[in-house]
Amino acid sequence: MINSSRKHYENNLVVQQHLKAMMILGFIGAVIGAVIAQFIEVNILKVIFGLICILSTLVLVIIKSPSTLDNIRTEKYLFYSASFLTALLNGLIGPAGAAILIPIFVAYFKYPLKNTLGTTSALAVTTSLGGVLCYIILGWNNPNLPAFSLGYVNLLQFVFLTITSIIVSTYAASLAKKISVKKLKILQVIVISYIGIQMMGLFDLILSIV
């Protein structure tokens, strides 16, 4: 995630407006979400979020992505609220919670799609950090975890995902600057739709039937 954000920054796709405050709020929101997740049933939230993802993809399809930063929203409270609430979702149900930030930035904040991807990748750095640190602390004394676990974070999976994400994110960030907005939008619609369907458990339902 850090590597992707750095690459987007080098490509001048990260918008600095309200960014530092949003990153701080993202960290706080992810921590609070991770704590709340220990006390509530999140499955219903996953279904609701899955539906939101599907609706978000419809918004991306219908709304034309702005081509410049000339008309972006500037109200602090809107950006702060969006970053905190999506980070809260991230802490509750996992990294997929941040997926709806993309349609919000494009449709409501009037960001061009490429700047949206760059800016949200920067926000994802502190959001992910907050969630990971909190799950490490919350699971520190749990004796029923598998080997090589640091709290609720499995170190083997963490290393594997870190290596693969560095490779993929570097390529994806470079690709985002080169390909057309139309193709990029199609990719985002596919990814967010997949996340939504997965969160709703439809893939598991289909596999159980088959």
C-alpha atoms as a PDB file:
ATOM      1  CA  MET A   1       0.000   0.000   0.000  1.00  0.00           C
ATOM      2  CA  ILE A   2       2.836   2.420   0.839  1.00  0.00           C
ATOM      3  CA  ASN A   3       4.577   1.533  -2.405  1.00  0.00           C
ATOM      4  CA  SER A   4       1.417   2.167  -4.420  1.00  0.00           C
ATOM      5  CA  SER A   5       0.812   5.482  -2.689  1.00  0.00           C
ATOM      6  CA  ARG A   6       4.407   6.579  -3.335  1.00  0.00           C
ATOM      7  CA  LYS A   7       4.098   5.712  -7.013  1.00  0.00           C
ATOM      8  CA  HIS A   8       0.833   7.656  -7.316  1.00  0.00           C
ATOM      9  CA  TYR A   9       2.508  10.602  -5.579  1.00  0.00           C
ATOM     10  CA  GLU A  10       5.393  10.506  -8.066  1.00  0.00           C
ATOM     11  CA  ASN A  11       2.800  10.542 -10.861  1.00  0.00           C
ATOM     12  CA  ASN A  12       1.181  13.674  -9.335  1.00  0.00           C
ATOM     13  CA  LEU A  13      -2.094  11.847  -8.753  1.00  0.00           C
ATOM     14  CA  VAL A  14      -2.343  12.404  -4.977  1.00  0.00           C
ATOM     15  CA  VAL A  15      -4.389  15.504  -4.098  1.00  0.00           C
ATOM     16  CA  GLN A  16      -3.049  17.169  -0.954  1.00  0.00           C
ATOM     17  CA  GLN A  17      -6.279  18.954  -0.001  1.00  0.00           C
ATOM     18  CA  HIS A  18      -7.273  17.883   3.558  1.00  0.00           C
ATOM     19  CA  LEU A  19      -5.098  14.792   3.113  1.00  0.00           C
ATOM     20  CA  LYS A  20      -3.153  14.841   6.395  1.00  0.00           C
ATOM     21  CA  ALA A  21      -6.264  15.293   8.526  1.00  0.00           C
ATOM     22  CA  MET A  22      -8.086  12.568   6.593  1.00  0.00           C
ATOM     23  CA  MET A  23      -5.199  10.162   7.121  1.00  0.00           C
ATOM     24  CA  ILE A  24      -5.272  10.816  10.875  1.00  0.00           C
ATOM     25  CA  LEU A  25      -9.046  10.358  10.990  1.00  0.00           C
ATOM     26  CA  GLY A  26      -8.660   7.201   8.920  1.00  0.00           C
ATOM     27  CA  PHE A  27      -6.266   5.746  11.471  1.00  0.00           C
ATOM     28  CA  ILE A  28      -8.610   6.615  14.353  1.00  0.00           C
ATOM     29  CA  GLY A  29     -11.666   5.285  12.539  1.00  0.00           C
ATOM     30  CA  ALA A  30      -9.987   1.960  11.752  1.00  0.00           C
ATOM     31  CA  VAL A  31      -8.947   1.509  15.391  1.00  0.00           C
ATOM     32  CA  ILE A  32     -12.454   2.251  16.665  1.00  0.00           C
ATOM     33  CA  GLY A  33     -13.979  -0.073  14.069  1.00  0.00           C
ATOM     34  CA  ALA A  34     -11.656  -2.925  15.031  1.00  0.00           C
ATOM     35  CA  VAL A  35     -12.577  -2.513  18.703  1.00  0.00           C
ATOM     36  CA  ILE A  36     -16.322  -2.417  17.981  1.00  0.00           C
ATOM     37  CA  ALA A  37     -15.993  -5.537  15.815  1.00  0.00           C
ATOM     38  CA  GLN A  38     -15.073  -7.532  18.918  1.00  0.00           C
ATOM     39  CA  PHE A  39     -18.500  -6.923  20.451  1.00  0.00           C
ATOM     40  CA  ILE A  40     -21.005  -7.076  17.577  1.00  0.00           C
ATOM     41  CA  GLU A  41     -22.083  -9.472  14.835  1.00  0.00           C
ATOM     42  CA  VAL A  42     -20.626  -8.056  11.630  1.00  0.00           C
ATOM     43  CA  ASN A  43     -22.159 -10.503   9.131  1.00  0.00           C
ATOM     44  CA  ILE A  44     -25.226  -8.324   8.643  1.00  0.00           C
ATOM     45  CA  LEU A  45     -22.910  -5.356   8.098  1.00  0.00           C
ATOM     46  CA  LYS A  46     -21.104  -7.306   5.384  1.00  0.00           C
ATOM     47  CA  VAL A  47     -24.363  -7.918   3.514  1.00  0.00           C
ATOM     48  CA  ILE A  48     -25.349  -4.266   3.787  1.00  0.00           C
ATOM     49  CA  PHE A  49     -21.898  -3.179   2.658  1.00  0.00           C
ATOM     50  CA  GLY A  50     -22.044  -5.606  -0.266  1.00  0.00           C
ATOM     51  CA  LEU A  51     -25.273  -3.967  -1.432  1.00  0.00           C
ATOM     52  CA  ILE A  52     -23.662  -0.540  -1.055  1.00  0.00           C
ATOM     53  CA  CYS A  53     -20.751  -1.700  -3.227  1.00  0.00           C
ATOM     54  CA  ILE A  54     -23.124  -2.842  -5.965  1.00  0.00           C
ATOM     55  CA  LEU A  55     -24.968   0.486  -5.841  1.00  0.00           C
ATOM     56  CA  SER A  56     -21.621   2.284  -5.908  1.00  0.00           C
ATOM     57  CA  THR A  57     -20.645   0.550  -9.135  1.00  0.00           C
ATOM     58  CA  LEU A  58     -23.896   1.747 -10.696  1.00  0.00           C
ATOM     59  CA  VAL A  59     -22.935   5.278  -9.686  1.00  0.00           C
ATOM     60  CA  LEU A  60     -19.525   4.869 -11.338  1.00  0.00           C
ATOM     61  CA  VAL A  61     -21.177   3.627 -14.517  1.00  0.00           C
ATOM     62  CA  ILE A  62     -23.788   6.391 -14.661  1.00  0.00           C
ATOM     63  CA  ILE A  63     -21.724   9.375 -13.488  1.00  0.00           C
ATOM     64  CA  LYS A  64     -19.165  10.825 -15.864  1.00  0.00           C
ATOM     65  CA  SER A  65     -15.779  11.108 -14.200  1.00  0.00           C
ATOM     66  CA  PRO A  66     -14.517  14.717 -14.058  1.00  0.00           C
ATOM     67  CA  SER A  67     -11.481  15.358 -16.237  1.00  0.00           C
ATOM     68  CA  THR A  68      -9.901  18.117 -14.122  1.00  0.00           C
ATOM     69  CA  LEU A  69      -9.581  19.216 -10.496  1.00  0.00           C
ATOM     70  CA  ASP A  70     -11.203  22.579 -11.215  1.00  0.00           C
ATOM     71  CA  ASN A  71     -14.561  21.811  -9.601  1.00  0.00           C
ATOM     72  CA  ILE A  72     -13.654  19.569  -6.670  1.00  0.00           C
ATOM     73  CA  ARG A  73     -15.457  20.042  -3.368  1.00  0.00           C
ATOM     74  CA  THR A  74     -13.538  21.833  -0.648  1.00  0.00           C
ATOM     75  CA  GLU A  75     -15.699  21.507   2.496  1.00  0.00           C
ATOM     76  CA  LYS A  76     -13.546  19.987   5.239  1.00  0.00           C
ATOM     77  CA  TYR A  77     -16.387  18.315   7.117  1.00  0.00           C
ATOM     78  CA  LEU A  78     -17.374  16.296   4.032  1.00  0.00           C
ATOM     79  CA  PHE A  79     -13.879  14.891   3.541  1.00  0.00           C
ATOM     80  CA  TYR A  80     -13.360  14.311   7.248  1.00  0.00           C
ATOM     81  CA  SER A  81     -16.687  12.497   7.615  1.00  0.00           C
ATOM     82  CA  ALA A  82     -16.086  10.287   4.582  1.00  0.00           C
ATOM     83  CA  SER A  83     -12.568   9.300   5.626  1.00  0.00           C
ATOM     84  CA  PHE A  84     -13.594   8.534   9.212  1.00  0.00           C
ATOM     85  CA  LEU A  85     -16.733   6.539   8.367  1.00  0.00           C
ATOM     86  CA  THR A  86     -15.119   4.453   5.635  1.00  0.00           C
ATOM     87  CA  ALA A  87     -12.161   3.758   7.943  1.00  0.00           C
ATOM     88  CA  LEU A  88     -14.650   2.690  10.610  1.00  0.00           C
ATOM     89  CA  LEU A  89     -16.103   0.229   8.093  1.00  0.00           C
ATOM     90  CA  ASN A  90     -12.588  -0.879   7.281  1.00  0.00           C
ATOM     91  CA  GLY A  91     -11.975  -1.722  10.930  1.00  0.00           C
ATOM     92  CA  LEU A  92     -15.315  -3.519  11.226  1.00  0.00           C
ATOM     93  CA  ILE A  93     -15.332  -5.703   8.130  1.00  0.00           C
ATOM     94  CA  GLY A  94     -11.836  -5.550   6.686  1.00  0.00           C
ATOM     95  CA  PRO A  95      -9.995  -3.635   3.947  1.00  0.00           C
ATOM     96  CA  ALA A  96     -12.974  -3.900   1.605  1.00  0.00           C
ATOM     97  CA  GLY A  97     -14.629  -1.216   3.701  1.00  0.00           C
ATOM     98  CA  ALA A  98     -12.611   1.449   1.920  1.00  0.00           C
ATOM     99  CA  ALA A  99     -13.929   0.442  -1.521  1.00  0.00           C
ATOM    100  CA  ILE A 100     -16.825   2.891  -1.408  1.00  0.00           C
ATOM    101  CA  LEU A 101     -14.413   5.822  -1.094  1.00  0.00           C
ATOM    102  CA  ILE A 102     -13.773   5.647  -4.835  1.00  0.00           C
ATOM    103  CA  PRO A 103     -17.389   6.300  -5.924  1.00  0.00           C
ATOM    104  CA  ILE A 104     -17.701   8.979  -3.224  1.00  0.00           C
ATOM    105  CA  PHE A 105     -14.635  10.863  -4.467  1.00  0.00           C
ATOM    106  CA  VAL A 106     -15.702  10.642  -8.113  1.00  0.00           C
ATOM    107  CA  ALA A 107     -19.445  11.256  -7.850  1.00  0.00           C
ATOM    108  CA  TYR A 108     -19.658  13.574  -4.850  1.00  0.00           C
ATOM    109  CA  PHE A 109     -16.260  15.213  -4.371  1.00  0.00           C
ATOM    110  CA  LYS A 110     -15.838  15.633  -8.151  1.00  0.00           C
ATOM    111  CA  TYR A 111     -12.335  14.147  -8.313  1.00  0.00           C
ATOM    112  CA  PRO A 112     -11.029  12.752 -11.613  1.00  0.00           C
ATOM    113  CA  LEU A 113     -10.814   8.972 -11.410  1.00  0.00           C
ATOM    114  CA  LYS A 114      -7.023   8.815 -11.573  1.00  0.00           C
ATOM    115  CA  ASN A 115      -6.650  11.395  -8.798  1.00  0.00           C
ATOM    116  CA  THR A 116      -9.247   9.460  -6.817  1.00  0.00           C
ATOM    117  CA  LEU A 117      -7.185   6.284  -6.991  1.00  0.00           C
ATOM    118  CA  GLY A 118      -4.011   8.119  -6.021  1.00  0.00           C
ATOM    119  CA  THR A 119      -5.572   9.968  -3.094  1.00  0.00           C
ATOM    120  CA  THR A 120      -7.485   6.983  -1.692  1.00  0.00           C
ATOM    121  CA  SER A 121      -4.324   4.860  -1.876  1.00  0.00           C
ATOM    122  CA  ALA A 122      -2.647   7.399   0.431  1.00  0.00           C
ATOM    123  CA  LEU A 123      -5.599   7.252   2.825  1.00  0.00           C
ATOM    124  CA  ALA A 124      -5.435   3.462   2.823  1.00  0.00           C
ATOM    125  CA  VAL A 125      -1.928   3.556   4.326  1.00  0.00           C
ATOM    126  CA  THR A 126      -2.967   4.905   7.736  1.00  0.00           C
ATOM    127  CA  THR A 127      -6.326   3.138   7.684  1.00  0.00           C
ATOM    128  CA  SER A 128      -4.655  -0.232   7.192  1.00  0.00           C
ATOM    129  CA  LEU A 129      -1.999   0.581   9.781  1.00  0.00           C
ATOM    130  CA  GLY A 130      -4.621   1.452  12.380  1.00  0.00           C
ATOM    131  CA  GLY A 131      -6.568  -1.746  11.772  1.00  0.00           C
ATOM    132  CA  VAL A 132      -3.504  -4.001  11.821  1.00  0.00           C
ATOM    133  CA  LEU A 133      -2.057  -2.521  15.027  1.00  0.00           C
ATOM    134  CA  CYS A 134      -5.398  -2.751  16.781  1.00  0.00           C
ATOM    135  CA  TYR A 135      -5.964  -6.402  15.803  1.00  0.00           C
ATOM    136  CA  ILE A 136      -2.452  -7.243  17.018  1.00  0.00           C
ATOM    137  CA  ILE A 137      -3.185  -5.702  20.413  1.00  0.00           C
ATOM    138  CA  LEU A 138      -6.699  -7.154  20.724  1.00  0.00           C
ATOM    139  CA  GLY A 139      -5.526 -10.679  20.004  1.00  0.00           C
ATOM    140  CA  TRP A 140      -2.264 -10.532  21.949  1.00  0.00           C
ATOM    141  CA  ASN A 141      -3.311 -12.882  24.755  1.00  0.00           C
ATOM    142  CA  ASN A 142      -5.516 -15.214  22.711  1.00  0.00           C
ATOM    143  CA  PRO A 143      -4.122 -18.764  23.153  1.00  0.00           C
ATOM    144  CA  ASN A 144      -6.213 -20.290  20.347  1.00  0.00           C
ATOM    145  CA  LEU A 145      -4.459 -18.674  17.420  1.00  0.00           C
ATOM    146  CA  PRO A 146      -2.368 -20.589  14.862  1.00  0.00           C
ATOM    147  CA  ALA A 147       1.412 -20.596  14.892  1.00  0.00           C
ATOM    148  CA  PHE A 148       3.300 -17.507  13.736  1.00  0.00           C
ATOM    149  CA  SER A 149       0.506 -15.192  14.822  1.00  0.00           C
ATOM    150  CA  LEU A 150       1.017 -11.758  16.302  1.00  0.00           C
ATOM    151  CA  GLY A 151      -2.315 -11.106  17.913  1.00  0.00           C
ATOM    152  CA  TYR A 152      -4.968 -11.684  15.266  1.00  0.00           C
ATOM    153  CA  VAL A 153      -2.430 -11.075  12.477  1.00  0.00           C
ATOM    154  CA  ASN A 154      -0.852 -14.198  10.985  1.00  0.00           C
ATOM    155  CA  LEU A 155       2.734 -13.313  10.136  1.00  0.00           C
ATOM    156  CA  LEU A 156       3.067 -15.857   7.315  1.00  0.00           C
ATOM    157  CA  GLN A 157       0.015 -14.470   5.542  1.00  0.00           C
ATOM    158  CA  PHE A 158       1.157 -10.940   6.283  1.00  0.00           C
ATOM    159  CA  VAL A 159       4.571 -11.491   4.668  1.00  0.00           C
ATOM    160  CA  PHE A 160       3.046 -13.219   1.635  1.00  0.00           C
ATOM    161  CA  LEU A 161       0.443 -10.494   1.132  1.00  0.00           C
ATOM    162  CA  THR A 162       3.033  -7.763   1.628  1.00  0.00           C
ATOM    163  CA  ILE A 163       5.342  -9.172  -1.039  1.00  0.00           C
ATOM    164  CA  THR A 164       2.556  -9.756  -3.564  1.00  0.00           C
ATOM    165  CA  SER A 165       0.970  -6.359  -2.887  1.00  0.00           C
ATOM    166  CA  ILE A 166       4.295  -4.575  -3.478  1.00  0.00           C
ATOM    167  CA  ILE A 167       4.627  -6.261  -6.862  1.00  0.00           C
ATOM    168  CA  VAL A 168       1.008  -5.780  -7.904  1.00  0.00           C
ATOM    169  CA  SER A 169       0.576  -2.255  -6.535  1.00  0.00           C
ATOM    170  CA  THR A 170       3.697  -0.957  -8.296  1.00  0.00           C
ATOM    171  CA  TYR A 171       2.443  -2.288 -11.608  1.00  0.00           C
ATOM    172  CA  ALA A 172      -1.117  -1.109 -10.963  1.00  0.00           C
ATOM    173  CA  ALA A 173      -0.021   2.411 -10.031  1.00  0.00           C
ATOM    174  CA  SER A 174       2.054   2.701 -13.202  1.00  0.00           C
ATOM    175  CA  LEU A 175      -0.788   1.277 -15.257  1.00  0.00           C
ATOM    176  CA  ALA A 176      -3.292   3.718 -13.755  1.00  0.00           C
ATOM    177  CA  LYS A 177      -1.433   6.661 -15.263  1.00  0.00           C
ATOM    178  CA  LYS A 178      -1.059   5.104 -18.714  1.00  0.00           C
ATOM    179  CA  ILE A 179      -4.459   3.601 -19.517  1.00  0.00           C
ATOM    180  CA  SER A 180      -7.567   5.552 -20.469  1.00  0.00           C
ATOM    181  CA  VAL A 181     -10.113   6.675 -17.885  1.00  0.00           C
ATOM    182  CA  LYS A 182     -12.767   4.531 -19.588  1.00  0.00           C
ATOM    183  CA  LYS A 183     -10.739   1.342 -19.174  1.00  0.00           C
ATOM    184  CA  LEU A 184      -9.770   2.330 -15.636  1.00  0.00           C
ATOM    185  CA  LYS A 185     -13.423   2.852 -14.746  1.00  0.00           C
ATOM    186  CA  ILE A 186     -14.311  -0.588 -16.116  1.00  0.00           C
ATOM    187  CA  LEU A 187     -11.591  -2.143 -13.948  1.00  0.00           C
ATOM    188  CA  GLN A 188     -12.867  -0.331 -10.852  1.00  0.00           C
ATOM    189  CA  VAL A 189     -16.444  -1.413 -11.533  1.00  0.00           C
ATOM    190  CA  ILE A 190     -15.292  -5.040 -11.819  1.00  0.00           C
ATOM    191  CA  VAL A 191     -13.180  -4.887  -8.633  1.00  0.00           C
ATOM    192  CA  ILE A 192     -15.827  -3.150  -6.493  1.00  0.00           C
ATOM    193  CA  SER A 193     -18.577  -5.451  -7.835  1.00  0.00           C
ATOM    194  CA  TYR A 194     -16.453  -8.474  -6.948  1.00  0.00           C
ATOM    195  CA  ILE A 195     -15.886  -7.119  -3.434  1.00  0.00           C
ATOM    196  CA  GLY A 196     -19.608  -6.485  -3.006  1.00  0.00           C
ATOM    197  CA  ILE A 197     -20.618  -9.956  -4.190  1.00  0.00           C
ATOM    198  CA  GLN A 198     -17.972 -11.566  -1.992  1.00  0.00           C
ATOM    199  CA  MET A 199     -19.027  -9.589   1.072  1.00  0.00           C
ATOM    200  CA  MET A 200     -22.641 -10.668   0.535  1.00  0.00           C
ATOM    201  CA  GLY A 201     -21.496 -14.306   0.517  1.00  0.00           C
ATOM    202  CA  LEU A 202     -22.912 -15.043  -2.925  1.00  0.00           C
ATOM    203  CA  PHE A 203     -19.804 -16.902  -4.073  1.00  0.00           C
ATOM    204  CA  ASP A 204     -20.023 -19.231  -1.078  1.00  0.00           C
ATOM    205  CA  LEU A 205     -23.732 -19.745  -1.756  1.00  0.00           C
ATOM    206  CA  ILE A 206     -23.084 -20.682  -5.388  1.00  0.00           C
ATOM    207  CA  LEU A 207     -20.278 -23.086  -4.412  1.00  0.00           C
ATOM    208  CA  SER A 208     -22.513 -24.748  -1.822  1.00  0.00           C
ATOM    209  CA  ILE A 209     -25.196 -25.312  -4.444  1.00  0.00           C
ATOM    210  CA  VAL A 210     -22.717 -26.694  -6.985  1.00  0.00           C
END
